[in-house]
C-alpha atoms as a PDB file:
ATOM      1  CA  UNK A   1     -96.820  67.549 131.152  1.00  0.00           C
ATOM      2  CA  UNK A   2     -98.849  67.585 134.507  1.00  0.00           C
ATOM      3  CA  UNK A   3     -99.002  70.285 137.061  1.00  0.00           C
ATOM      4  CA  UNK A   4     -97.041  68.378 139.400  1.00  0.00           C
ATOM      5  CA  UNK A   5     -94.108  67.893 136.813  1.00  0.00           C
ATOM      6  CA  UNK A   6     -94.533  71.813 136.334  1.00  0.00           C
ATOM      7  CA  UNK A   7     -94.392  72.704 139.517  1.00  0.00           C
ATOM      8  CA  UNK A   8     -90.863  70.381 139.945  1.00  0.00           C
ATOM      9  CA  UNK A   9     -89.414  71.858 136.877  1.00  0.00           C
ATOM     10  CA  UNK A  10     -89.964  75.664 138.599  1.00  0.00           C
ATOM     11  CA  UNK A  11     -88.434  74.474 141.605  1.00  0.00           C
ATOM     12  CA  UNK A  12     -85.525  72.833 140.375  1.00  0.00           C
ATOM     13  CA  UNK A  13     -85.066  75.708 137.723  1.00  0.00           C
ATOM     14  CA  UNK A  14     -85.290  78.025 140.917  1.00  0.00           C
ATOM     15  CA  UNK A  15     -82.491  76.506 142.907  1.00  0.00           C
ATOM     16  CA  UNK A  16     -80.460  75.981 140.051  1.00  0.00           C
ATOM     17  CA  UNK A  17     -80.574  79.893 139.393  1.00  0.00           C
ATOM     18  CA  UNK A  18     -80.120  80.665 143.139  1.00  0.00           C
ATOM     19  CA  UNK A  19     -76.896  77.934 143.311  1.00  0.00           C
ATOM     20  CA  UNK A  20     -75.507  80.132 139.839  1.00  0.00           C
ATOM     21  CA  UNK A  21     -75.669  83.251 142.046  1.00  0.00           C
ATOM     22  CA  UNK A  22     -72.515  84.919 143.483  1.00  0.00           C
ATOM     23  CA  UNK A  23     -71.445  84.080 146.693  1.00  0.00           C
ATOM     24  CA  UNK A  24     -72.910  87.212 148.823  1.00  0.00           C
ATOM     25  CA  UNK A  25     -71.173  88.140 152.140  1.00  0.00           C
ATOM     26  CA  UNK A  26     -73.986  87.670 154.912  1.00  0.00           C
ATOM     27  CA  UNK A  27     -71.592  87.277 158.033  1.00  0.00           C
ATOM     28  CA  UNK A  28     -70.817  91.051 158.976  1.00  0.00           C
ATOM     29  CA  UNK A  29     -67.507  91.629 161.341  1.00  0.00           C
ATOM     30  CA  UNK A  30     -66.048  94.709 162.483  1.00  0.00           C
ATOM     31  CA  UNK A  31     -67.190  97.619 163.814  1.00  0.00           C
ATOM     32  CA  UNK A  32     -70.843  96.904 163.353  1.00  0.00           C
ATOM     33  CA  UNK A  33     -72.827  93.739 162.945  1.00  0.00           C
ATOM     34  CA  UNK A  34     -74.742  94.828 160.145  1.00  0.00           C
ATOM     35  CA  UNK A  35     -74.170  96.706 156.784  1.00  0.00           C
ATOM     36  CA  UNK A  36     -74.579 100.278 158.050  1.00  0.00           C
ATOM     37  CA  UNK A  37     -77.191 102.036 155.280  1.00  0.00           C
ATOM     38  CA  UNK A  38     -76.763 105.643 153.823  1.00  0.00           C
ATOM     39  CA  UNK A  39     -75.388 106.893 150.492  1.00  0.00           C
ATOM     40  CA  UNK A  40     -72.901 104.171 148.982  1.00  0.00           C
ATOM     41  CA  UNK A  41     -70.016 104.790 147.047  1.00  0.00           C
ATOM     42  CA  UNK A  42     -67.872 102.201 145.497  1.00  0.00           C
ATOM     43  CA  UNK A  43     -63.901 102.430 145.590  1.00  0.00           C
ATOM     44  CA  UNK A  44     -63.153  99.645 143.496  1.00  0.00           C
ATOM     45  CA  UNK A  45     -65.192  96.741 142.453  1.00  0.00           C
ATOM     46  CA  UNK A  46     -62.247  95.303 140.815  1.00  0.00           C
ATOM     47  CA  UNK A  47     -63.993  95.157 136.947  1.00  0.00           C
ATOM     48  CA  UNK A  48     -62.196  97.557 135.318  1.00  0.00           C
ATOM     49  CA  UNK A  49     -58.729  96.508 136.051  1.00  0.00           C
ATOM     50  CA  UNK A  50     -55.751  96.472 138.648  1.00  0.00           C
ATOM     51  CA  UNK A  51     -54.782  99.349 140.308  1.00  0.00           C
ATOM     52  CA  UNK A  52     -53.159  97.848 143.341  1.00  0.00           C
ATOM     53  CA  UNK A  53     -49.518  97.088 144.400  1.00  0.00           C
ATOM     54  CA  UNK A  54     -48.307  94.786 147.263  1.00  0.00           C
ATOM     55  CA  UNK A  55     -45.805  95.974 149.738  1.00  0.00           C
ATOM     56  CA  UNK A  56     -42.789  93.536 149.727  1.00  0.00           C
ATOM     57  CA  UNK A  57     -38.555  94.212 150.559  1.00  0.00           C
ATOM     58  CA  UNK A  58     -39.257  97.586 148.889  1.00  0.00           C
ATOM     59  CA  UNK A  59     -40.668  98.583 152.126  1.00  0.00           C
ATOM     60  CA  UNK A  60     -37.459  97.671 153.595  1.00  0.00           C
ATOM     61  CA  UNK A  61     -36.447 101.267 154.590  1.00  0.00           C
ATOM     62  CA  UNK A  62     -39.704 101.171 156.893  1.00  0.00           C
ATOM     63  CA  UNK A  63     -38.802  97.991 158.330  1.00  0.00           C
ATOM     64  CA  UNK A  64     -38.171  94.413 157.571  1.00  0.00           C
ATOM     65  CA  UNK A  65     -39.707  92.872 154.258  1.00  0.00           C
ATOM     66  CA  UNK A  66     -43.642  92.427 154.260  1.00  0.00           C
ATOM     67  CA  UNK A  67     -45.187  89.289 153.576  1.00  0.00           C
ATOM     68  CA  UNK A  68     -47.424  90.281 150.690  1.00  0.00           C
ATOM     69  CA  UNK A  69     -46.141  88.782 147.506  1.00  0.00           C
ATOM     70  CA  UNK A  70     -49.028  89.883 144.933  1.00  0.00           C
ATOM     71  CA  UNK A  71     -52.344  91.776 144.328  1.00  0.00           C
ATOM     72  CA  UNK A  72     -53.689  90.703 141.712  1.00  0.00           C
ATOM     73  CA  UNK A  73     -57.130  91.016 139.585  1.00  0.00           C
ATOM     74  CA  UNK A  74     -59.254  87.164 139.811  1.00  0.00           C
ATOM     75  CA  UNK A  75     -62.311  85.534 138.332  1.00  0.00           C
ATOM     76  CA  UNK A  76     -61.937  82.770 141.306  1.00  0.00           C
ATOM     77  CA  UNK A  77     -64.366  84.540 143.649  1.00  0.00           C
ATOM     78  CA  UNK A  78     -66.077  87.524 143.284  1.00  0.00           C
ATOM     79  CA  UNK A  79     -69.248  88.857 145.723  1.00  0.00           C
ATOM     80  CA  UNK A  80     -70.969  91.203 142.806  1.00  0.00           C
ATOM     81  CA  UNK A  81     -69.548  90.951 139.458  1.00  0.00           C
ATOM     82  CA  UNK A  82     -67.218  88.789 137.756  1.00  0.00           C
ATOM     83  CA  UNK A  83     -63.625  89.727 139.593  1.00  0.00           C
ATOM     84  CA  UNK A  84     -62.450  90.461 142.801  1.00  0.00           C
ATOM     85  CA  UNK A  85     -58.641  91.327 144.031  1.00  0.00           C
ATOM     86  CA  UNK A  86     -56.499  88.320 145.303  1.00  0.00           C
ATOM     87  CA  UNK A  87     -53.999  88.782 147.646  1.00  0.00           C
ATOM     88  CA  UNK A  88     -51.260  86.366 148.491  1.00  0.00           C
ATOM     89  CA  UNK A  89     -48.680  86.222 151.454  1.00  0.00           C
ATOM     90  CA  UNK A  90     -45.884  84.204 152.863  1.00  0.00           C
ATOM     91  CA  UNK A  91     -45.752  82.903 156.131  1.00  0.00           C
ATOM     92  CA  UNK A  92     -43.351  84.654 158.139  1.00  0.00           C
ATOM     93  CA  UNK A  93     -39.432  84.232 158.910  1.00  0.00           C
ATOM     94  CA  UNK A  94     -37.067  85.337 161.695  1.00  0.00           C
ATOM     95  CA  UNK A  95     -35.812  88.422 159.729  1.00  0.00           C
ATOM     96  CA  UNK A  96     -39.278  89.416 158.279  1.00  0.00           C
ATOM     97  CA  UNK A  97     -41.863  91.540 159.228  1.00  0.00           C
ATOM     98  CA  UNK A  98     -45.402  89.529 160.177  1.00  0.00           C
ATOM     99  CA  UNK A  99     -47.844  91.625 158.095  1.00  0.00           C
ATOM    100  CA  UNK A 100     -48.345  92.587 154.573  1.00  0.00           C
ATOM    101  CA  UNK A 101     -49.951  95.655 152.568  1.00  0.00           C
ATOM    102  CA  UNK A 102     -51.867  95.671 149.473  1.00  0.00           C
ATOM    103  CA  UNK A 103     -52.460  99.415 148.198  1.00  0.00           C
ATOM    104  CA  UNK A 104     -53.845 101.916 145.984  1.00  0.00           C
ATOM    105  CA  UNK A 105     -52.977 105.485 145.193  1.00  0.00           C
ATOM    106  CA  UNK A 106     -54.683 108.290 144.172  1.00  0.00           C
ATOM    107  CA  UNK A 107     -56.668 111.401 145.917  1.00  0.00           C
ATOM    108  CA  UNK A 108     -60.040 111.161 147.704  1.00  0.00           C
ATOM    109  CA  UNK A 109     -61.869 113.375 149.831  1.00  0.00           C
ATOM    110  CA  UNK A 110     -63.354 111.005 152.456  1.00  0.00           C
ATOM    111  CA  UNK A 111     -64.038 113.563 155.033  1.00  0.00           C
ATOM    112  CA  UNK A 112     -68.156 113.292 154.817  1.00  0.00           C
ATOM    113  CA  UNK A 113     -67.766 108.950 154.782  1.00  0.00           C
ATOM    114  CA  UNK A 114     -68.328 107.481 158.204  1.00  0.00           C
ATOM    115  CA  UNK A 115     -67.728 103.953 157.095  1.00  0.00           C
ATOM    116  CA  UNK A 116     -65.178 101.635 154.934  1.00  0.00           C
ATOM    117  CA  UNK A 117     -67.189  98.141 154.200  1.00  0.00           C
ATOM    118  CA  UNK A 118     -65.525  95.794 152.140  1.00  0.00           C
ATOM    119  CA  UNK A 119     -66.108  91.716 151.489  1.00  0.00           C
ATOM    120  CA  UNK A 120     -63.245  89.305 151.993  1.00  0.00           C
ATOM    121  CA  UNK A 121     -63.205  85.879 151.127  1.00  0.00           C
ATOM    122  CA  UNK A 122     -61.060  83.636 153.381  1.00  0.00           C
ATOM    123  CA  UNK A 123     -60.326  80.388 151.393  1.00  0.00           C
ATOM    124  CA  UNK A 124     -57.693  79.428 154.116  1.00  0.00           C
ATOM    125  CA  UNK A 125     -58.678  76.356 157.206  1.00  0.00           C
ATOM    126  CA  UNK A 126     -57.237  78.882 159.629  1.00  0.00           C
ATOM    127  CA  UNK A 127     -58.203  82.345 160.350  1.00  0.00           C
ATOM    128  CA  UNK A 128     -56.385  85.493 158.802  1.00  0.00           C
ATOM    129  CA  UNK A 129     -56.252  89.397 160.508  1.00  0.00           C
ATOM    130  CA  UNK A 130     -57.424  91.868 158.171  1.00  0.00           C
ATOM    131  CA  UNK A 131     -57.811  95.663 158.810  1.00  0.00           C
ATOM    132  CA  UNK A 132     -57.554  98.771 156.491  1.00  0.00           C
ATOM    133  CA  UNK A 133     -55.198 102.046 156.758  1.00  0.00           C
ATOM    134  CA  UNK A 134     -55.497 105.288 154.908  1.00  0.00           C
ATOM    135  CA  UNK A 135     -52.441 107.919 154.539  1.00  0.00           C
ATOM    136  CA  UNK A 136     -53.912 110.754 154.657  1.00  0.00           C
ATOM    137  CA  UNK A 137     -53.013 114.854 154.327  1.00  0.00           C
ATOM    138  CA  UNK A 138     -50.275 115.981 152.095  1.00  0.00           C
ATOM    139  CA  UNK A 139     -47.540 114.302 154.564  1.00  0.00           C
ATOM    140  CA  UNK A 140     -49.432 110.956 153.548  1.00  0.00           C
ATOM    141  CA  UNK A 141     -49.796 110.622 157.758  1.00  0.00           C
ATOM    142  CA  UNK A 142     -50.773 107.007 158.903  1.00  0.00           C
ATOM    143  CA  UNK A 143     -54.474 106.626 159.798  1.00  0.00           C
ATOM    144  CA  UNK A 144     -55.073 103.069 160.913  1.00  0.00           C
ATOM    145  CA  UNK A 145     -58.473 101.376 161.744  1.00  0.00           C
ATOM    146  CA  UNK A 146     -59.444  98.211 163.956  1.00  0.00           C
ATOM    147  CA  UNK A 147     -57.955  94.832 163.345  1.00  0.00           C
ATOM    148  CA  UNK A 148     -60.673  92.262 162.410  1.00  0.00           C
ATOM    149  CA  UNK A 149     -60.106  88.537 163.153  1.00  0.00           C
ATOM    150  CA  UNK A 150     -61.456  87.225 159.521  1.00  0.00           C
ATOM    151  CA  UNK A 151     -62.618  83.424 159.899  1.00  0.00           C
ATOM    152  CA  UNK A 152     -62.545  81.141 156.821  1.00  0.00           C
ATOM    153  CA  UNK A 153     -65.435  81.926 154.985  1.00  0.00           C
ATOM    154  CA  UNK A 154     -66.876  85.309 153.260  1.00  0.00           C
ATOM    155  CA  UNK A 155     -67.648  88.075 155.510  1.00  0.00           C
ATOM    156  CA  UNK A 156     -68.313  91.562 155.095  1.00  0.00           C
ATOM    157  CA  UNK A 157     -65.886  94.063 157.438  1.00  0.00           C
ATOM    158  CA  UNK A 158     -67.211  97.517 158.298  1.00  0.00           C
ATOM    159  CA  UNK A 159     -64.804  99.597 159.739  1.00  0.00           C
ATOM    160  CA  UNK A 160     -65.448 103.072 161.189  1.00  0.00           C
ATOM    161  CA  UNK A 161     -63.357 105.487 159.618  1.00  0.00           C
ATOM    162  CA  UNK A 162     -64.192 108.025 162.750  1.00  0.00           C
ATOM    163  CA  UNK A 163     -61.297 106.342 164.550  1.00  0.00           C
ATOM    164  CA  UNK A 164     -58.968 108.122 162.256  1.00  0.00           C
ATOM    165  CA  UNK A 165     -58.227 111.118 164.497  1.00  0.00           C
ATOM    166  CA  UNK A 166     -56.701 113.115 161.625  1.00  0.00           C
ATOM    167  CA  UNK A 167     -58.816 115.049 158.591  1.00  0.00           C
ATOM    168  CA  UNK A 168     -59.960 113.227 155.874  1.00  0.00           C
ATOM    169  CA  UNK A 169     -60.258 115.783 153.291  1.00  0.00           C
ATOM    170  CA  UNK A 170     -57.102 114.412 151.494  1.00  0.00           C
ATOM    171  CA  UNK A 171     -56.859 110.737 151.626  1.00  0.00           C
ATOM    172  CA  UNK A 172     -53.444 109.808 149.345  1.00  0.00           C
ATOM    173  CA  UNK A 173     -53.341 105.945 149.764  1.00  0.00           C
ATOM    174  CA  UNK A 174     -55.590 102.967 151.065  1.00  0.00           C
ATOM    175  CA  UNK A 175     -53.981  99.825 152.143  1.00  0.00           C
ATOM    176  CA  UNK A 176     -55.249  96.544 152.840  1.00  0.00           C
ATOM    177  CA  UNK A 177     -53.513  94.819 156.022  1.00  0.00           C
ATOM    178  CA  UNK A 178     -52.850  91.672 156.290  1.00  0.00           C
ATOM    179  CA  UNK A 179     -51.243  90.527 159.597  1.00  0.00           C
ATOM    180  CA  UNK A 180     -50.175  86.849 160.712  1.00  0.00           C
ATOM    181  CA  UNK A 181     -52.687  85.205 163.081  1.00  0.00           C
ATOM    182  CA  UNK A 182     -51.443  81.670 162.373  1.00  0.00           C
ATOM    183  CA  UNK A 183     -47.799  81.141 160.119  1.00  0.00           C
ATOM    184  CA  UNK A 184     -48.709  79.864 156.702  1.00  0.00           C
ATOM    185  CA  UNK A 185     -48.790  80.812 152.925  1.00  0.00           C
ATOM    186  CA  UNK A 186     -51.783  81.558 151.423  1.00  0.00           C
ATOM    187  CA  UNK A 187     -53.981  83.990 149.945  1.00  0.00           C
ATOM    188  CA  UNK A 188     -57.333  86.109 150.650  1.00  0.00           C
ATOM    189  CA  UNK A 189     -59.697  87.773 148.151  1.00  0.00           C
ATOM    190  CA  UNK A 190     -61.489  91.056 148.614  1.00  0.00           C
ATOM    191  CA  UNK A 191     -64.322  92.799 146.700  1.00  0.00           C
ATOM    192  CA  UNK A 192     -66.896  95.370 146.482  1.00  0.00           C
ATOM    193  CA  UNK A 193     -64.865  97.882 148.402  1.00  0.00           C
ATOM    194  CA  UNK A 194     -66.718 100.827 149.362  1.00  0.00           C
ATOM    195  CA  UNK A 195     -67.955 103.756 151.340  1.00  0.00           C
ATOM    196  CA  UNK A 196     -70.642 104.753 153.514  1.00  0.00           C
ATOM    197  CA  UNK A 197     -71.615 107.939 154.973  1.00  0.00           C
END
């Protein structure tokens, strides 16, 4: 093999390795235009199972039926590892809400954390609205963060936890929140949900 052939082989191998890498999110949106540096704690990487539930008709005591229809772990896309959470939704009707929620209950302490960061893939051809809300204290008080417009494609969403004015030393629930930007049935993926100090 000539030196030119060896060089072409190495370039081809490098391209193949690059193309086989997962789709990392480089487009950062939300409260910062960059991923914050600092100590990072992964809340869920979706590699060990599914601990998430979707809100639907069972939330009617708090208002109309939600648009969320399922929350399942999938290998269709991942920003790291092999799996992510696929969140499905339906379009709104005259009697439904115009939002959906996907949530996980546990007991966390986010008192010293500053940002919540998550990779979001919107495979639709239209934007979606996305946010995260916490339910904090033993009274499960709602603490919402800013809503971000997620255009089609892969993005890393950075949200500032300091917009929640209630204490965050007792966090009972994390809600991934979808709200309708355009009426449609569809889905989106989230992965690598983490905290940064």
